[in-house]
Amino acid sequence: MSRRYCLTLDLKDDPSLIAQYKRHHEHIWPEIASSLRESGVRDAEIYLLGTRLFMILEVDDQFSFEAKMKADLANEKVRQWEALMWKFQKPLPQAKPGEKWLLMERIFKL
């Protein structure tokens, strides 16, 4: 059984930075893909409109955001990737200090 989470985040409003961000995601570091799979992420997609990012995660029953955060903090490559990505990203107005991707509330399902 899998679960789906949808998250959102903004990019800085700079076409050059947005283009760089997109290029980074065309060839993510292998360690990043491995860390996602090891945490229980079965599929991940990111969509972009203007500066708004929308991420869909399909996860297995073992996945938890808490365990993923703990594993990420212990993984040097993930910390490096996140620091690099923060060059392009900016928190949403409703984010608490240190928060990046925010969970979205599903309000409709067909």
Protein backbone atom coordinates (compact mmCIF):
# COMPACT_ATOMS: atom_id res chain seq x y z
CA MET A 1 0.00 0.00 0.00
CA SER A 2 1.31 3.44 -0.82
CA ARG A 3 0.44 6.90 0.36
CA ARG A 4 0.70 10.20 -1.48
CA TYR A 5 1.86 13.52 -0.11
CA CYS A 6 1.77 16.84 -1.94
CA LEU A 7 4.12 19.61 -0.87
CA THR A 8 4.83 23.12 -2.07
CA LEU A 9 7.65 25.65 -1.98
CA ASP A 10 8.65 28.77 -3.90
CA LEU A 11 11.72 29.58 -5.93
CA LYS A 12 13.38 32.98 -5.91
CA ASP A 13 11.95 35.15 -8.67
CA ASP A 14 15.04 35.11 -10.87
CA PRO A 15 14.85 33.45 -14.32
CA SER A 16 18.55 32.55 -14.25
CA LEU A 17 18.25 30.84 -10.85
CA ILE A 18 15.08 29.03 -11.94
CA ALA A 19 16.85 27.74 -15.07
CA GLN A 20 19.75 26.50 -12.91
CA TYR A 21 17.35 24.81 -10.51
CA LYS A 22 15.67 23.00 -13.38
CA ARG A 23 19.05 21.85 -14.74
CA HIS A 24 20.02 20.45 -11.32
CA HIS A 25 16.83 18.39 -11.31
CA GLU A 26 17.47 16.99 -14.79
CA HIS A 27 20.48 15.19 -13.28
CA ILE A 28 20.07 14.88 -9.52
CA TRP A 29 22.98 13.45 -7.63
CA PRO A 30 22.75 9.63 -7.35
CA GLU A 31 23.06 9.90 -3.56
CA ILE A 32 19.90 12.00 -3.47
CA ALA A 33 17.90 9.43 -5.45
CA SER A 34 19.27 6.69 -3.18
CA SER A 35 18.35 8.57 -0.01
CA LEU A 36 14.79 9.04 -1.26
CA ARG A 37 14.39 5.36 -2.13
CA GLU A 38 15.97 4.22 1.16
CA SER A 39 13.50 6.38 3.11
CA GLY A 40 10.51 4.70 1.45
CA VAL A 41 9.81 7.12 -1.40
CA ARG A 42 8.62 5.02 -4.33
CA ASP A 43 8.05 7.88 -6.75
CA ALA A 44 8.60 11.63 -6.69
CA GLU A 45 7.68 14.38 -9.13
CA ILE A 46 8.19 18.13 -8.99
CA TYR A 47 6.13 20.58 -11.07
CA LEU A 48 6.82 24.27 -11.61
CA LEU A 49 4.57 27.21 -12.48
CA GLY A 50 6.26 30.60 -12.36
CA THR A 51 8.07 30.43 -9.03
CA ARG A 52 5.75 27.92 -7.34
CA LEU A 53 6.97 24.34 -6.94
CA PHE A 54 4.61 21.43 -6.35
CA MET A 55 6.01 18.03 -5.30
CA ILE A 56 4.16 14.72 -5.25
CA LEU A 57 5.62 11.90 -3.18
CA GLU A 58 4.38 8.32 -3.38
CA VAL A 59 5.68 6.50 -0.30
CA ASP A 60 5.52 3.02 1.20
CA ASP A 61 4.21 2.08 4.65
CA GLN A 62 7.63 2.49 6.30
CA PHE A 63 8.00 6.13 5.25
CA SER A 64 7.85 8.91 7.83
CA PHE A 65 8.89 12.54 7.53
CA GLU A 66 10.58 12.32 10.94
CA ALA A 67 12.75 9.34 9.91
CA LYS A 68 13.57 10.99 6.57
CA MET A 69 14.66 14.20 8.33
CA LYS A 70 16.85 12.26 10.76
CA ALA A 71 18.48 10.28 7.92
CA ASP A 72 19.01 13.47 5.91
CA LEU A 73 20.80 15.16 8.80
CA ALA A 74 23.17 12.18 9.03
CA ASN A 75 23.89 12.16 5.28
CA GLU A 76 26.62 14.59 4.18
CA LYS A 77 25.60 14.50 0.49
CA VAL A 78 21.96 15.26 1.31
CA ARG A 79 23.07 18.18 3.50
CA GLN A 80 25.22 19.48 0.63
CA TRP A 81 22.33 19.11 -1.85
CA GLU A 82 19.90 20.89 0.47
CA ALA A 83 22.36 23.75 1.00
CA LEU A 84 22.78 24.07 -2.77
CA MET A 85 19.01 23.99 -3.37
CA TRP A 86 18.45 26.70 -0.76
CA LYS A 87 20.34 29.06 -3.11
CA PHE A 88 17.29 28.83 -5.41
CA GLN A 89 14.44 28.30 -2.97
CA LYS A 90 12.63 30.66 -0.64
CA PRO A 91 10.20 29.81 2.14
CA LEU A 92 6.50 30.36 1.77
CA PRO A 93 5.04 33.18 3.90
CA GLN A 94 3.35 30.66 6.22
CA ALA A 95 6.54 28.62 6.80
CA LYS A 96 8.01 28.50 10.27
CA PRO A 97 11.73 29.28 10.65
CA GLY A 98 13.77 26.52 9.02
CA GLU A 99 10.81 25.01 7.12
CA LYS A 100 11.09 24.50 3.39
CA TRP A 101 8.61 22.18 1.68
CA LEU A 102 5.14 22.48 3.24
CA LEU A 103 2.47 19.80 3.15
CA MET A 104 -0.62 20.73 1.19
CA GLU A 105 -4.15 19.87 2.24
CA ARG A 106 -6.17 17.81 -0.21
CA ILE A 107 -9.54 19.44 -0.62
CA PHE A 108 -10.93 17.37 -3.52
CA LYS A 109 -10.64 13.85 -4.90
CA LEU A 110 -12.69 12.37 -7.73
